[in-house]
Amino acid sequence: MSRAELRKTIVQEITQRAGLHALFTRLCGQRATQRDVSLVSVKTEYIETVLPATSTPMREASGASPARAARWPGMPT
């Protein structure tokens, strides 16, 4: 799968799960307010951050994910 296809799949999964889209939007909205940036930019940054974790070899090569979680306090992991 290409990077664009993976990103599209992630967005579709988030949208399709009941309640998850609203939670994701609310958490990203809070983060956007804290950082004084747009909601879209926070959503995009978050998706780009978790995108490498969708590939097992990339996940294994990148090491543990707590560092990623530390960059996104309060976000579901």
N, C-alpha and C. Protein backbone atom coordinates (compact mmCIF):
# COMPACT_ATOMS: atom_id res chain seq x y z
N MET A 1 0.83 -1.18 0.00
CA MET A 1 0.00 0.00 0.00
C MET A 1 0.88 1.24 0.00
N SER A 2 0.48 2.21 -0.78
CA SER A 2 1.23 3.46 -0.81
C SER A 2 0.91 4.28 0.44
N ARG A 3 1.71 5.28 0.68
CA ARG A 3 1.50 6.16 1.83
C ARG A 3 0.12 6.83 1.75
N ALA A 4 -0.26 7.27 0.57
CA ALA A 4 -1.57 7.92 0.39
C ALA A 4 -2.71 6.94 0.68
N GLU A 5 -2.56 5.69 0.23
CA GLU A 5 -3.59 4.68 0.49
C GLU A 5 -3.68 4.37 1.98
N LEU A 6 -2.55 4.27 2.65
CA LEU A 6 -2.54 4.02 4.09
C LEU A 6 -3.21 5.17 4.83
N ARG A 7 -2.88 6.40 4.44
CA ARG A 7 -3.48 7.57 5.08
C ARG A 7 -4.99 7.56 4.87
N LYS A 8 -5.44 7.26 3.66
CA LYS A 8 -6.88 7.22 3.36
C LYS A 8 -7.56 6.14 4.19
N THR A 9 -6.93 4.99 4.34
CA THR A 9 -7.48 3.90 5.14
C THR A 9 -7.62 4.30 6.60
N ILE A 10 -6.61 4.97 7.13
CA ILE A 10 -6.66 5.43 8.52
C ILE A 10 -7.81 6.40 8.72
N VAL A 11 -7.93 7.35 7.81
CA VAL A 11 -9.02 8.34 7.92
C VAL A 11 -10.37 7.64 7.83
N GLN A 12 -10.52 6.67 6.94
CA GLN A 12 -11.79 5.93 6.81
C GLN A 12 -12.10 5.16 8.08
N GLU A 13 -11.10 4.51 8.67
CA GLU A 13 -11.31 3.76 9.92
C GLU A 13 -11.77 4.69 11.03
N ILE A 14 -11.11 5.82 11.15
CA ILE A 14 -11.48 6.78 12.20
C ILE A 14 -12.91 7.23 12.00
N THR A 15 -13.28 7.51 10.75
CA THR A 15 -14.62 8.01 10.44
C THR A 15 -15.69 6.95 10.67
N GLN A 16 -15.39 5.70 10.36
CA GLN A 16 -16.39 4.63 10.40
C GLN A 16 -16.71 4.14 11.81
N ARG A 17 -15.82 4.27 12.72
CA ARG A 17 -16.07 3.75 14.07
C ARG A 17 -16.96 4.70 14.86
N ALA A 18 -18.03 4.14 15.41
CA ALA A 18 -19.02 4.95 16.15
C ALA A 18 -18.35 5.66 17.32
N GLY A 19 -18.49 6.96 17.37
CA GLY A 19 -17.97 7.75 18.47
C GLY A 19 -16.49 8.09 18.38
N LEU A 20 -15.73 7.28 17.67
CA LEU A 20 -14.29 7.52 17.61
C LEU A 20 -13.98 8.81 16.85
N HIS A 21 -14.71 9.06 15.79
CA HIS A 21 -14.46 10.27 15.02
C HIS A 21 -14.70 11.51 15.88
N ALA A 22 -15.79 11.50 16.65
CA ALA A 22 -16.09 12.64 17.52
C ALA A 22 -15.00 12.82 18.58
N LEU A 23 -14.55 11.71 19.16
CA LEU A 23 -13.49 11.78 20.17
C LEU A 23 -12.19 12.31 19.55
N PHE A 24 -11.83 11.77 18.41
CA PHE A 24 -10.62 12.20 17.71
C PHE A 24 -10.69 13.70 17.41
N THR A 25 -11.83 14.15 16.91
CA THR A 25 -12.00 15.56 16.58
C THR A 25 -11.92 16.44 17.84
N ARG A 26 -12.56 15.99 18.91
CA ARG A 26 -12.54 16.76 20.16
C ARG A 26 -11.12 16.88 20.71
N LEU A 27 -10.40 15.75 20.76
CA LEU A 27 -9.03 15.78 21.28
C LEU A 27 -8.11 16.63 20.40
N CYS A 28 -8.26 16.49 19.10
CA CYS A 28 -7.45 17.30 18.19
C CYS A 28 -7.82 18.78 18.32
N GLY A 29 -9.10 19.05 18.53
CA GLY A 29 -9.55 20.43 18.73
C GLY A 29 -8.93 21.05 19.97
N GLN A 30 -8.87 20.27 21.04
CA GLN A 30 -8.24 20.76 22.27
C GLN A 30 -6.76 21.04 22.03
N ARG A 31 -6.12 20.13 21.33
CA ARG A 31 -4.69 20.29 21.03
C ARG A 31 -4.47 21.52 20.14
N ALA A 32 -5.35 21.71 19.16
CA ALA A 32 -5.24 22.86 18.26
C ALA A 32 -5.39 24.17 19.03
N THR A 33 -6.32 24.19 19.97
CA THR A 33 -6.54 25.39 20.79
C THR A 33 -5.30 25.68 21.65
N GLN A 34 -4.73 24.64 22.25
CA GLN A 34 -3.54 24.81 23.08
C GLN A 34 -2.37 25.36 22.27
N ARG A 35 -2.26 24.91 21.04
CA ARG A 35 -1.12 25.30 20.20
C ARG A 35 -1.44 26.48 19.29
N ASP A 36 -2.69 26.94 19.31
CA ASP A 36 -3.14 28.06 18.47
C ASP A 36 -2.88 27.79 16.99
N VAL A 37 -3.29 26.59 16.55
CA VAL A 37 -3.19 26.19 15.14
C VAL A 37 -4.54 25.64 14.70
N SER A 38 -4.66 25.31 13.42
CA SER A 38 -5.93 24.81 12.91
C SER A 38 -6.15 23.35 13.29
N LEU A 39 -7.41 22.98 13.38
CA LEU A 39 -7.79 21.59 13.67
C LEU A 39 -7.25 20.66 12.60
N VAL A 40 -7.37 21.06 11.35
CA VAL A 40 -6.90 20.22 10.24
C VAL A 40 -5.40 19.95 10.36
N SER A 41 -4.63 20.95 10.75
CA SER A 41 -3.18 20.74 10.86
C SER A 41 -2.85 19.75 11.97
N VAL A 42 -3.59 19.78 13.07
CA VAL A 42 -3.35 18.84 14.17
C VAL A 42 -3.74 17.43 13.74
N LYS A 43 -4.89 17.28 13.08
CA LYS A 43 -5.31 15.96 12.60
C LYS A 43 -4.28 15.40 11.62
N THR A 44 -3.83 16.22 10.71
CA THR A 44 -2.85 15.78 9.72
C THR A 44 -1.55 15.37 10.40
N GLU A 45 -1.09 16.18 11.35
CA GLU A 45 0.15 15.86 12.06
C GLU A 45 0.02 14.54 12.83
N TYR A 46 -1.12 14.34 13.48
CA TYR A 46 -1.32 13.10 14.24
C TYR A 46 -1.32 11.89 13.31
N ILE A 47 -2.04 11.98 12.21
CA ILE A 47 -2.10 10.85 11.26
C ILE A 47 -0.71 10.57 10.70
N GLU A 48 0.03 11.60 10.35
CA GLU A 48 1.39 11.41 9.85
C GLU A 48 2.30 10.81 10.91
N THR A 49 2.04 11.10 12.18
CA THR A 49 2.84 10.55 13.27
C THR A 49 2.58 9.06 13.45
N VAL A 50 1.32 8.65 13.34
CA VAL A 50 1.00 7.24 13.56
C VAL A 50 1.13 6.40 12.29
N LEU A 51 1.25 7.03 11.15
CA LEU A 51 1.34 6.30 9.89
C LEU A 51 2.46 5.26 9.87
N PRO A 52 3.67 5.58 10.33
CA PRO A 52 4.73 4.56 10.32
C PRO A 52 4.39 3.33 11.16
N ALA A 53 3.55 3.47 12.16
CA ALA A 53 3.19 2.34 13.02
C ALA A 53 2.29 1.35 12.31
N THR A 54 1.79 1.69 11.13
CA THR A 54 0.92 0.77 10.40
C THR A 54 1.72 -0.29 9.67
N SER A 55 3.00 -0.12 9.60
CA SER A 55 3.87 -1.09 8.93
C SER A 55 4.72 -1.79 9.99
N THR A 56 4.61 -3.11 10.07
CA THR A 56 5.36 -3.87 11.08
C THR A 56 6.86 -3.63 10.99
N PRO A 57 7.47 -3.71 9.80
CA PRO A 57 8.92 -3.46 9.76
C PRO A 57 9.29 -2.06 10.24
N MET A 58 8.48 -1.07 9.87
CA MET A 58 8.77 0.30 10.32
C MET A 58 8.61 0.40 11.83
N ARG A 59 7.56 -0.25 12.37
CA ARG A 59 7.31 -0.20 13.80
C ARG A 59 8.47 -0.86 14.55
N GLU A 60 8.94 -1.99 14.05
CA GLU A 60 10.04 -2.69 14.71
C GLU A 60 11.33 -1.87 14.62
N ALA A 61 11.54 -1.22 13.49
CA ALA A 61 12.76 -0.43 13.29
C ALA A 61 12.74 0.85 14.11
N SER A 62 11.55 1.37 14.38
CA SER A 62 11.46 2.66 15.08
C SER A 62 11.61 2.53 16.59
N GLY A 63 11.54 1.32 17.11
CA GLY A 63 11.66 1.14 18.55
C GLY A 63 10.33 1.25 19.24
N ALA A 64 10.36 1.53 20.52
CA ALA A 64 9.14 1.59 21.34
C ALA A 64 8.31 2.82 21.01
N SER A 65 7.01 2.69 21.18
CA SER A 65 6.11 3.80 20.88
C SER A 65 5.87 4.77 22.04
N PRO A 66 6.36 4.56 23.27
CA PRO A 66 6.11 5.54 24.33
C PRO A 66 6.60 6.95 23.98
N ALA A 67 7.65 7.04 23.19
CA ALA A 67 8.13 8.37 22.79
C ALA A 67 7.08 9.07 21.95
N ARG A 68 6.43 8.32 21.06
CA ARG A 68 5.36 8.90 20.26
C ARG A 68 4.21 9.34 21.15
N ALA A 69 3.86 8.50 22.10
CA ALA A 69 2.75 8.82 23.00
C ALA A 69 3.08 10.05 23.85
N ALA A 70 4.35 10.21 24.20
CA ALA A 70 4.75 11.36 25.01
C ALA A 70 4.58 12.67 24.24
N ARG A 71 4.72 12.61 22.92
CA ARG A 71 4.52 13.81 22.12
C ARG A 71 3.06 14.18 22.02
N TRP A 72 2.16 13.23 22.31
CA TRP A 72 0.72 13.43 22.18
C TRP A 72 0.01 13.10 23.48
N PRO A 73 0.27 13.83 24.57
CA PRO A 73 -0.39 13.51 25.83
C PRO A 73 -1.90 13.65 25.70
N GLY A 74 -2.60 12.69 26.24
CA GLY A 74 -4.06 12.72 26.21
C GLY A 74 -4.66 12.10 24.97
N MET A 75 -3.84 11.77 23.97
CA MET A 75 -4.37 11.16 22.76
C MET A 75 -4.39 9.65 22.95
N PRO A 76 -5.41 8.99 22.41
CA PRO A 76 -5.46 7.53 22.53
C PRO A 76 -4.33 6.90 21.74
N THR A 77 -3.76 5.81 22.28
CA THR A 77 -2.67 5.13 21.58
C THR A 77 -3.07 3.73 21.23
